[in-house]
Amino acid sequence: MEHLHNFNGVPIWIICVLILYINLTSAADPECIGSTSPLGMQSGNITAEQITYSSLRTDLKKEYSRYDCCQGATFAAWCPATQTIGEWIEVSFEEPTILSSIKIQKPLGSNTKWPTELDILIEEAQSSPGNLTDSGETIKLVPSNGDETLTLQNPVAVRRVRLVIANFTEEPCFRFEINGCPVKDPDPPEVPDLPDLEFTYNSPDDLQLKCSFGTTFSYGVQYDVTWEDNGKILSQKLLPNTEVSDILHFTSTVLDLISKIKCTVKACNKNDCPTLFGTKKASNIFRPEIQIKNGTSLTVREGGEESFVVITSNVPPVVYCRAQSLDDDCTVFVQLRSNEQNPVLCKNGHDITQVVFPEEGGETKSCTVTVTSDNWDKDIHVPVKAAMDGIIDGMKTVTVTLTTKVENVAMITNVKSVQSTKL
């Protein structure tokens, strides 16, 4: 390689290999991989709160699952309440932890009550919090041995380890220890699901919004939840590690007609809270409004059946009234009006209405629906049909606008529309 130049006597290609080797070993954290350090089942560093199970035999205690536990006792181990494949016991960690090996020990006081096969499920540190997956590892136990140790071929960073009964002899009972070490400078976790808001109305002075962002909590993860209305912070808190939702309690006086409330959520590893967080995720926006339930378009045919614009309110009328500083029994209504695009014109210049609202007194270009304490949370069906104009004018698109009004004050920010196509 005559074209290569030396750097202080060392060929350039050798320098590149050394740099690559340094980067790889740093990422793998060799001081941790393969560690046989007990993580605390025997010592008690793993607390009782971190140990959970599918069931437990009534005459036993959770502490009996610890490795080398209860010397001098007649019998000690974790045994499920039912002798069934699929029963499990698991350990959750305070922080992301490298799982290197698992040591299984027979029950104290028995040589026959023993699992012969255990499957290992894990919640990986890089996975969505609460997400448990099959590790692909199985512990096969020889009944004649007192201890069995499974060393993982590919040590992995985890938040949780679950041991699942896959086969057993007389009864699946055992004690155990988990070996490994904490991950150095772990990345923060991400919020599992996009936050979603759910509104509950109890009374004008008792309104609730629930912000949900997961279905299963992870022991080593906490969530910071911030509630905002148009950028103004209403509440901010770091939730306990067992919670994956938060509820905002407020009164109707907090809302106004331009309110836009949302929650934003970010996650942190329990030991890194509240300084190091993952990506922030924002929920949908809640605001007092009349909502269109049947999408953004509908079709009516001249001479055909009428169709319906389906609307509903997400708050009762008293909320709109108080937002305008009016009496609780003020009138709230929705005005629907059809607006033709490129209307057909008569010779006198007047446009020919294409879509109308059938009412008792005839067909009109607009109609009004009152929102009451009885119908606000129900689907309100407003009939709409194609006008019989006797003109062959082909397909026409009409915009039906919905404007919410409190008394006679229009909520300009709450105008909705649906496209109605006349055939």
Protein backbone atom coordinates (compact mmCIF):
# COMPACT_ATOMS: atom_id res chain seq x y z
CA MET A 1 0.00 0.00 0.00
CA GLU A 2 2.45 2.57 -1.21
CA HIS A 3 -0.27 5.23 -1.45
CA LEU A 4 -0.89 5.20 2.34
CA HIS A 5 1.03 7.66 4.46
CA ASN A 6 2.20 7.02 8.01
CA PHE A 7 1.12 9.05 11.03
CA ASN A 8 3.91 9.09 13.61
CA GLY A 9 4.96 5.73 12.28
CA VAL A 10 1.47 4.12 12.46
CA PRO A 11 -0.34 3.34 9.17
CA ILE A 12 -3.60 5.28 8.69
CA TRP A 13 -5.68 2.11 8.31
CA ILE A 14 -4.55 0.91 11.74
CA ILE A 15 -5.61 4.20 13.36
CA CYS A 16 -9.13 3.79 11.85
CA VAL A 17 -9.49 0.29 13.31
CA LEU A 18 -8.48 1.49 16.77
CA ILE A 19 -11.07 4.29 16.71
CA LEU A 20 -13.81 1.87 15.68
CA TYR A 21 -12.86 -0.53 18.46
CA ILE A 22 -12.99 2.23 21.09
CA ASN A 23 -16.46 3.36 20.01
CA LEU A 24 -17.88 -0.14 20.07
CA THR A 25 -16.56 -1.04 23.49
CA SER A 26 -17.78 2.24 24.94
CA ALA A 27 -21.32 1.61 23.64
CA ALA A 28 -21.36 -1.97 24.93
CA ASP A 29 -20.29 -0.95 28.46
CA PRO A 30 -18.06 -4.03 29.06
CA GLU A 31 -17.91 -3.42 32.82
CA CYS A 32 -21.60 -4.31 33.01
CA ILE A 33 -22.08 -6.97 30.33
CA GLY A 34 -21.75 -10.43 31.88
CA SER A 35 -21.84 -9.12 35.45
CA THR A 36 -22.71 -11.75 38.06
CA SER A 37 -23.46 -9.14 40.72
CA PRO A 38 -26.71 -9.98 42.54
CA LEU A 39 -29.25 -7.20 42.10
CA GLY A 40 -30.91 -7.67 45.46
CA MET A 41 -33.41 -10.53 45.84
CA GLN A 42 -31.22 -12.09 48.52
CA SER A 43 -29.94 -8.87 50.09
CA GLY A 44 -33.27 -7.05 50.10
CA ASN A 45 -32.06 -4.23 47.83
CA ILE A 46 -34.96 -5.30 45.62
CA THR A 47 -37.88 -4.23 47.82
CA ALA A 48 -41.13 -6.09 48.35
CA GLU A 49 -42.87 -3.36 46.31
CA GLN A 50 -40.77 -4.31 43.29
CA ILE A 51 -41.88 -7.97 43.44
CA THR A 52 -45.29 -8.83 41.98
CA TYR A 53 -46.93 -12.08 40.89
CA SER A 54 -50.02 -13.56 39.27
CA SER A 55 -51.01 -15.28 42.54
CA LEU A 56 -49.56 -16.64 45.78
CA ARG A 57 -50.41 -19.71 47.85
CA THR A 58 -52.28 -18.46 50.90
CA ASP A 59 -49.91 -20.00 53.48
CA LEU A 60 -46.84 -18.31 51.97
CA LYS A 61 -45.35 -14.81 51.87
CA LYS A 62 -43.86 -12.72 49.06
CA GLU A 63 -40.52 -12.66 50.91
CA TYR A 64 -40.23 -16.46 50.55
CA SER A 65 -39.33 -15.93 46.87
CA ARG A 66 -35.92 -14.49 47.80
CA TYR A 67 -32.78 -16.51 47.09
CA ASP A 68 -31.49 -18.36 50.20
CA CYS A 69 -34.49 -17.06 52.10
CA CYS A 70 -35.77 -18.19 55.44
CA GLN A 71 -33.16 -20.57 56.74
CA GLY A 72 -34.67 -22.70 59.50
CA ALA A 73 -38.21 -22.51 58.08
CA THR A 74 -40.10 -25.71 57.36
CA PHE A 75 -40.89 -24.60 53.81
CA ALA A 76 -40.09 -21.42 51.88
CA ALA A 77 -40.53 -20.46 48.22
CA TRP A 78 -42.89 -18.67 45.88
CA CYS A 79 -45.71 -21.00 44.86
CA PRO A 80 -48.67 -19.78 42.81
CA ALA A 81 -52.16 -20.26 44.21
CA THR A 82 -52.99 -22.63 41.35
CA GLN A 83 -50.78 -25.31 39.85
CA THR A 84 -51.13 -23.92 36.36
CA ILE A 85 -48.79 -23.23 33.46
CA GLY A 86 -48.70 -19.49 32.83
CA GLU A 87 -48.54 -18.36 36.48
CA TRP A 88 -45.73 -15.85 36.98
CA ILE A 89 -43.60 -13.78 39.33
CA GLU A 90 -41.71 -10.66 38.28
CA VAL A 91 -39.26 -7.99 39.43
CA SER A 92 -39.36 -4.34 38.34
CA PHE A 93 -36.24 -2.20 38.63
CA GLU A 94 -35.81 1.36 39.87
CA GLU A 95 -33.73 2.18 36.77
CA PRO A 96 -32.77 0.55 33.44
CA THR A 97 -30.69 -2.51 34.32
CA ILE A 98 -28.50 -4.91 32.35
CA LEU A 99 -29.87 -8.43 32.82
CA SER A 100 -26.97 -10.91 32.68
CA SER A 101 -28.17 -14.07 34.41
CA ILE A 102 -30.91 -15.55 36.59
CA LYS A 103 -30.31 -18.07 39.37
CA ILE A 104 -33.17 -20.40 40.32
CA GLN A 105 -33.16 -22.21 43.67
CA LYS A 106 -35.34 -25.09 44.87
CA PRO A 107 -37.80 -24.47 47.71
CA LEU A 108 -36.49 -24.76 51.20
CA GLY A 109 -37.84 -28.03 52.59
CA SER A 110 -38.83 -29.81 49.35
CA ASN A 111 -37.12 -31.70 46.52
CA THR A 112 -40.26 -32.43 44.52
CA LYS A 113 -42.08 -29.08 44.25
CA TRP A 114 -40.06 -27.64 41.42
CA PRO A 115 -40.55 -26.08 37.96
CA THR A 116 -38.75 -27.89 35.16
CA GLU A 117 -39.07 -25.03 32.68
CA LEU A 118 -39.45 -21.26 33.01
CA ASP A 119 -39.99 -18.75 30.20
CA ILE A 120 -38.50 -15.28 30.57
CA LEU A 121 -40.46 -12.18 29.55
CA ILE A 122 -38.85 -8.75 29.68
CA GLU A 123 -39.74 -5.09 29.44
CA GLU A 124 -36.79 -3.70 27.53
CA ALA A 125 -35.44 -0.33 28.59
CA GLN A 126 -35.72 0.98 25.02
CA SER A 127 -39.30 -0.23 24.57
CA SER A 128 -42.55 1.57 25.29
CA PRO A 129 -43.08 1.64 29.09
CA GLY A 130 -45.24 -1.26 30.25
CA ASN A 131 -44.63 -3.29 27.07
CA LEU A 132 -43.67 -6.88 27.97
CA THR A 133 -42.14 -9.18 25.31
CA ASP A 134 -40.75 -12.71 25.09
CA SER A 135 -36.98 -12.66 25.61
CA GLY A 136 -36.54 -15.87 23.62
CA GLU A 137 -34.79 -17.38 26.65
CA THR A 138 -36.01 -20.42 28.63
CA ILE A 139 -34.63 -21.83 31.87
CA LYS A 140 -34.63 -25.64 31.86
CA LEU A 141 -34.17 -27.06 35.34
CA VAL A 142 -32.88 -30.50 36.32
CA PRO A 143 -34.85 -31.86 39.30
CA SER A 144 -31.76 -33.39 40.92
CA ASN A 145 -29.97 -30.02 41.12
CA GLY A 146 -30.52 -27.54 43.92
CA ASP A 147 -29.67 -24.48 41.82
CA GLU A 148 -29.80 -23.63 38.12
CA THR A 149 -28.29 -20.52 36.54
CA LEU A 150 -29.22 -19.20 33.12
CA THR A 151 -26.63 -16.86 31.63
CA LEU A 152 -28.15 -14.84 28.82
CA GLN A 153 -26.39 -15.18 25.49
CA ASN A 154 -27.29 -11.57 24.74
CA PRO A 155 -27.49 -9.49 27.94
CA VAL A 156 -30.13 -6.81 27.56
CA ALA A 157 -31.12 -3.58 29.31
CA VAL A 158 -34.52 -4.03 30.98
CA ARG A 159 -36.99 -2.35 33.30
CA ARG A 160 -38.74 -5.56 34.32
CA VAL A 161 -38.21 -9.35 34.29
CA ARG A 162 -41.05 -11.88 34.49
CA LEU A 163 -40.52 -15.61 35.15
CA VAL A 164 -43.41 -17.67 33.75
CA ILE A 165 -44.16 -21.29 34.64
CA ALA A 166 -43.85 -23.33 31.43
CA ASN A 167 -43.63 -26.82 33.00
CA PHE A 168 -43.28 -28.34 36.46
CA THR A 169 -43.20 -31.53 38.52
CA GLU A 170 -45.48 -31.79 41.54
CA GLU A 171 -45.89 -28.05 42.18
CA PRO A 172 -44.06 -25.06 40.57
CA CYS A 173 -42.27 -23.49 43.57
CA PHE A 174 -38.86 -21.77 43.66
CA ARG A 175 -36.66 -18.97 44.99
CA PHE A 176 -34.46 -16.82 42.76
CA GLU A 177 -31.84 -14.12 42.28
CA ILE A 178 -31.24 -11.82 39.31
CA ASN A 179 -27.71 -10.80 38.33
CA GLY A 180 -26.57 -7.76 36.38
CA CYS A 181 -25.93 -4.07 36.95
CA PRO A 182 -27.55 -0.66 36.36
CA VAL A 183 -27.18 0.96 32.94
CA LYS A 184 -24.86 3.95 32.99
CA ASP A 185 -26.48 7.21 31.83
CA PRO A 186 -29.63 5.61 30.38
CA ASP A 187 -31.68 7.42 27.77
CA PRO A 188 -35.02 8.77 29.05
CA PRO A 189 -38.14 6.80 28.10
CA GLU A 190 -40.84 8.00 25.73
CA VAL A 191 -44.54 8.46 26.49
CA PRO A 192 -46.23 5.20 25.32
CA ASP A 193 -49.35 6.66 23.66
CA LEU A 194 -50.41 10.02 22.30
CA PRO A 195 -52.30 11.69 25.18
CA ASP A 196 -56.07 11.68 24.80
CA LEU A 197 -58.63 13.88 26.58
CA GLU A 198 -61.98 12.71 27.97
CA PHE A 199 -64.48 15.24 29.38
CA THR A 200 -66.88 14.55 32.26
CA TYR A 201 -69.63 16.95 33.35
CA ASN A 202 -71.01 16.56 36.87
CA SER A 203 -72.27 20.09 37.58
CA PRO A 204 -71.36 23.67 36.57
CA ASP A 205 -68.91 23.68 39.47
CA ASP A 206 -67.54 20.19 38.88
CA LEU A 207 -66.01 19.62 35.44
CA GLN A 208 -63.25 17.12 34.73
CA LEU A 209 -60.81 16.42 31.93
CA LYS A 210 -58.92 13.12 32.00
CA CYS A 211 -55.58 12.92 30.18
CA SER A 212 -54.68 9.30 29.36
CA PHE A 213 -51.41 8.24 27.73
CA GLY A 214 -50.99 4.52 28.42
CA THR A 215 -52.70 1.40 29.72
CA THR A 216 -49.95 -0.18 31.83
CA PHE A 217 -47.61 1.55 34.26
CA SER A 218 -43.90 0.79 34.48
CA TYR A 219 -42.37 0.77 37.97
CA GLY A 220 -39.19 2.60 36.92
CA VAL A 221 -40.91 5.34 34.86
CA GLN A 222 -42.73 8.51 35.90
CA TYR A 223 -44.64 11.09 33.88
CA ASP A 224 -44.74 14.87 34.09
CA VAL A 225 -48.15 16.27 33.07
CA THR A 226 -48.80 19.94 32.25
CA TRP A 227 -52.29 21.34 31.63
CA GLU A 228 -52.54 24.47 29.48
CA ASP A 229 -55.29 26.76 28.20
CA ASN A 230 -54.10 28.83 25.22
CA GLY A 231 -50.55 28.63 26.56
CA LYS A 232 -51.48 29.55 30.14
CA ILE A 233 -50.40 26.82 32.59
CA LEU A 234 -53.30 25.58 34.70
CA SER A 235 -51.51 22.74 36.47
CA GLN A 236 -48.21 20.85 36.40
CA LYS A 237 -47.22 17.76 38.37
CA LEU A 238 -44.90 14.75 38.41
CA LEU A 239 -47.15 11.71 38.78
CA PRO A 240 -46.41 8.69 40.98
CA ASN A 241 -44.88 5.81 39.03
CA THR A 242 -48.11 3.79 39.17
CA GLU A 243 -50.19 6.33 37.23
CA VAL A 244 -50.62 6.67 33.45
CA SER A 245 -53.36 9.30 33.48
CA ASP A 246 -54.18 12.57 35.21
CA ILE A 247 -57.43 14.42 35.92
CA LEU A 248 -57.90 18.19 35.79
CA HIS A 249 -60.73 19.40 38.03
CA PHE A 250 -62.18 22.81 37.21
CA THR A 251 -65.38 24.86 37.13
CA SER A 252 -67.27 26.39 34.24
CA THR A 253 -65.95 29.81 35.22
CA VAL A 254 -62.48 28.70 34.09
CA LEU A 255 -63.73 28.25 30.52
CA ASP A 256 -64.49 30.95 28.03
CA LEU A 257 -65.61 30.74 24.41
CA ILE A 258 -62.03 30.74 23.14
CA SER A 259 -60.64 28.20 25.62
CA LYS A 260 -58.30 25.58 24.15
CA ILE A 261 -57.25 23.17 26.89
CA LYS A 262 -54.69 20.44 26.32
CA CYS A 263 -52.31 18.28 28.33
CA THR A 264 -48.66 17.71 27.48
CA VAL A 265 -46.79 14.70 28.86
CA LYS A 266 -43.12 13.74 29.09
CA ALA A 267 -41.50 10.69 30.73
CA CYS A 268 -38.42 10.16 32.87
CA ASN A 269 -36.59 7.23 34.45
CA LYS A 270 -37.52 7.23 38.14
CA ASN A 271 -33.99 7.94 39.35
CA ASP A 272 -33.49 10.76 36.80
CA CYS A 273 -36.72 12.65 37.56
CA PRO A 274 -37.32 15.53 37.37
CA THR A 275 -34.23 16.60 35.42
CA LEU A 276 -33.95 14.34 32.35
CA PHE A 277 -37.05 13.76 30.19
CA GLY A 278 -37.90 12.19 26.87
CA THR A 279 -39.85 13.85 24.07
CA LYS A 280 -42.93 15.83 25.09
CA LYS A 281 -46.27 14.72 23.58
CA ALA A 282 -49.41 16.88 23.39
CA SER A 283 -53.04 15.78 23.50
CA ASN A 284 -55.97 16.78 21.36
CA ILE A 285 -57.54 20.15 22.27
CA PHE A 286 -60.71 20.50 24.31
CA ARG A 287 -62.91 23.56 23.85
CA PRO A 288 -66.65 24.26 24.33
CA GLU A 289 -68.17 23.62 20.92
CA ILE A 290 -70.91 22.13 18.80
CA GLN A 291 -69.48 19.17 16.93
CA ILE A 292 -70.50 17.64 13.60
CA LYS A 293 -70.79 13.87 14.03
CA ASN A 294 -71.21 12.68 10.44
CA GLY A 295 -67.95 13.81 8.88
CA THR A 296 -67.30 16.66 6.48
CA SER A 297 -69.64 15.77 3.61
CA LEU A 298 -73.06 14.34 2.74
CA THR A 299 -75.02 13.82 -0.48
CA VAL A 300 -78.65 14.70 -1.31
CA ARG A 301 -80.47 13.93 -4.55
CA GLU A 302 -83.14 16.11 -6.15
CA GLY A 303 -86.45 14.27 -5.68
CA GLY A 304 -84.78 11.84 -3.27
CA GLU A 305 -84.94 11.27 0.47
CA GLU A 306 -83.74 13.90 2.92
CA SER A 307 -80.42 13.48 4.65
CA PHE A 308 -79.27 14.72 8.06
CA VAL A 309 -76.56 16.86 9.54
CA VAL A 310 -75.87 15.26 12.93
CA ILE A 311 -74.62 17.62 15.63
CA THR A 312 -73.96 17.43 19.38
CA SER A 313 -72.47 19.69 22.03
CA ASN A 314 -69.53 18.63 24.18
CA VAL A 315 -70.70 20.82 27.12
CA PRO A 316 -74.16 21.75 28.46
CA PRO A 317 -75.63 25.19 27.68
CA VAL A 318 -74.89 26.51 31.19
CA VAL A 319 -71.18 26.42 30.35
CA TYR A 320 -71.70 28.67 27.31
CA CYS A 321 -73.88 30.97 29.42
CA ARG A 322 -71.36 31.38 32.22
CA ALA A 323 -68.58 31.90 29.70
CA GLN A 324 -70.54 34.98 28.54
CA SER A 325 -71.30 36.05 32.14
CA LEU A 326 -75.01 35.41 31.53
CA ASP A 327 -77.65 33.69 33.64
CA ASP A 328 -77.48 29.89 33.75
CA ASP A 329 -80.76 29.60 31.79
CA CYS A 330 -79.70 31.75 28.84
CA THR A 331 -80.56 30.53 25.33
CA VAL A 332 -77.95 28.66 23.33
CA PHE A 333 -78.74 27.73 19.75
CA VAL A 334 -77.10 26.65 16.53
CA GLN A 335 -77.88 28.34 13.23
CA LEU A 336 -77.44 26.27 10.07
CA ARG A 337 -77.29 28.02 6.70
CA SER A 338 -76.62 26.76 3.16
CA ASN A 339 -74.20 28.71 0.97
CA GLU A 340 -73.93 27.75 -2.69
CA GLN A 341 -70.65 27.74 -4.54
CA ASN A 342 -71.13 29.20 -8.03
CA PRO A 343 -74.90 29.49 -7.54
CA VAL A 344 -77.39 29.14 -10.38
CA LEU A 345 -78.93 32.57 -11.05
CA CYS A 346 -82.36 33.56 -12.25
CA LYS A 347 -82.79 36.19 -14.98
CA ASN A 348 -83.40 38.77 -12.27
CA GLY A 349 -80.00 37.93 -10.75
CA HIS A 350 -81.32 36.11 -7.68
CA ASP A 351 -79.61 32.80 -6.91
CA ILE A 352 -81.59 29.55 -6.88
CA THR A 353 -81.29 27.69 -3.58
CA GLN A 354 -79.88 24.19 -4.07
CA VAL A 355 -80.07 22.73 -0.53
CA VAL A 356 -82.86 23.51 1.94
CA PHE A 357 -83.96 22.64 5.45
CA PRO A 358 -87.50 21.18 5.58
CA GLU A 359 -89.60 22.71 8.38
CA GLU A 360 -93.30 22.80 9.28
CA GLY A 361 -93.82 26.11 7.52
CA GLY A 362 -91.99 25.02 4.37
CA GLU A 363 -88.42 24.74 3.12
CA THR A 364 -85.90 27.37 4.12
CA LYS A 365 -82.30 28.26 3.41
CA SER A 366 -81.47 28.31 7.10
CA CYS A 367 -82.73 26.85 10.35
CA THR A 368 -82.14 27.15 14.07
CA VAL A 369 -81.72 24.39 16.68
CA THR A 370 -81.82 25.14 20.41
CA VAL A 371 -79.33 23.37 22.67
CA THR A 372 -80.91 22.44 26.01
CA SER A 373 -79.95 20.68 29.22
CA ASP A 374 -81.88 17.67 27.92
CA ASN A 375 -80.39 17.30 24.43
CA TRP A 376 -76.83 18.74 24.63
CA ASP A 377 -75.10 15.36 24.99
CA LYS A 378 -77.32 13.55 22.48
CA ASP A 379 -77.15 13.38 18.70
CA ILE A 380 -79.36 16.09 17.16
CA HIS A 381 -80.44 15.22 13.61
CA VAL A 382 -81.09 18.27 11.42
CA PRO A 383 -82.84 17.31 8.13
CA VAL A 384 -81.51 18.67 4.85
CA LYS A 385 -82.64 17.94 1.29
CA ALA A 386 -82.10 18.99 -2.31
CA ALA A 387 -84.38 21.77 -3.52
CA MET A 388 -86.81 20.86 -6.29
CA ASP A 389 -85.93 23.65 -8.73
CA GLY A 390 -86.82 21.82 -11.97
CA ILE A 391 -83.53 22.88 -13.53
CA ILE A 392 -81.04 20.46 -15.04
CA ASP A 393 -78.01 21.96 -13.38
CA GLY A 394 -75.88 18.87 -12.69
CA MET A 395 -73.96 18.21 -9.49
CA LYS A 396 -73.71 21.17 -7.12
CA THR A 397 -71.65 21.52 -3.94
CA VAL A 398 -73.17 23.54 -1.11
CA THR A 399 -71.48 24.49 2.16
CA VAL A 400 -73.70 24.21 5.22
CA THR A 401 -72.27 26.40 8.00
CA LEU A 402 -73.07 25.97 11.69
CA THR A 403 -72.72 28.97 13.97
CA THR A 404 -73.21 28.62 17.72
CA LYS A 405 -74.93 31.60 19.37
CA VAL A 406 -75.35 32.46 23.04
CA GLU A 407 -78.45 34.62 23.26
CA ASN A 408 -77.79 36.59 20.06
CA VAL A 409 -74.02 36.72 20.30
CA ALA A 410 -72.37 34.53 17.68
CA MET A 411 -69.37 32.47 18.72
CA ILE A 412 -67.26 33.47 15.71
CA THR A 413 -64.53 31.04 16.72
CA ASN A 414 -67.02 28.16 16.72
CA VAL A 415 -68.21 28.16 13.11
CA LYS A 416 -68.31 24.68 11.54
CA SER A 417 -69.13 23.55 8.03
CA VAL A 418 -70.07 20.44 6.10
CA GLN A 419 -70.02 20.02 2.33
CA SER A 420 -73.39 18.96 0.91
CA THR A 421 -73.41 17.65 -2.67
CA LYS A 422 -76.64 17.86 -4.68
CA LEU A 423 -77.08 15.31 -7.46
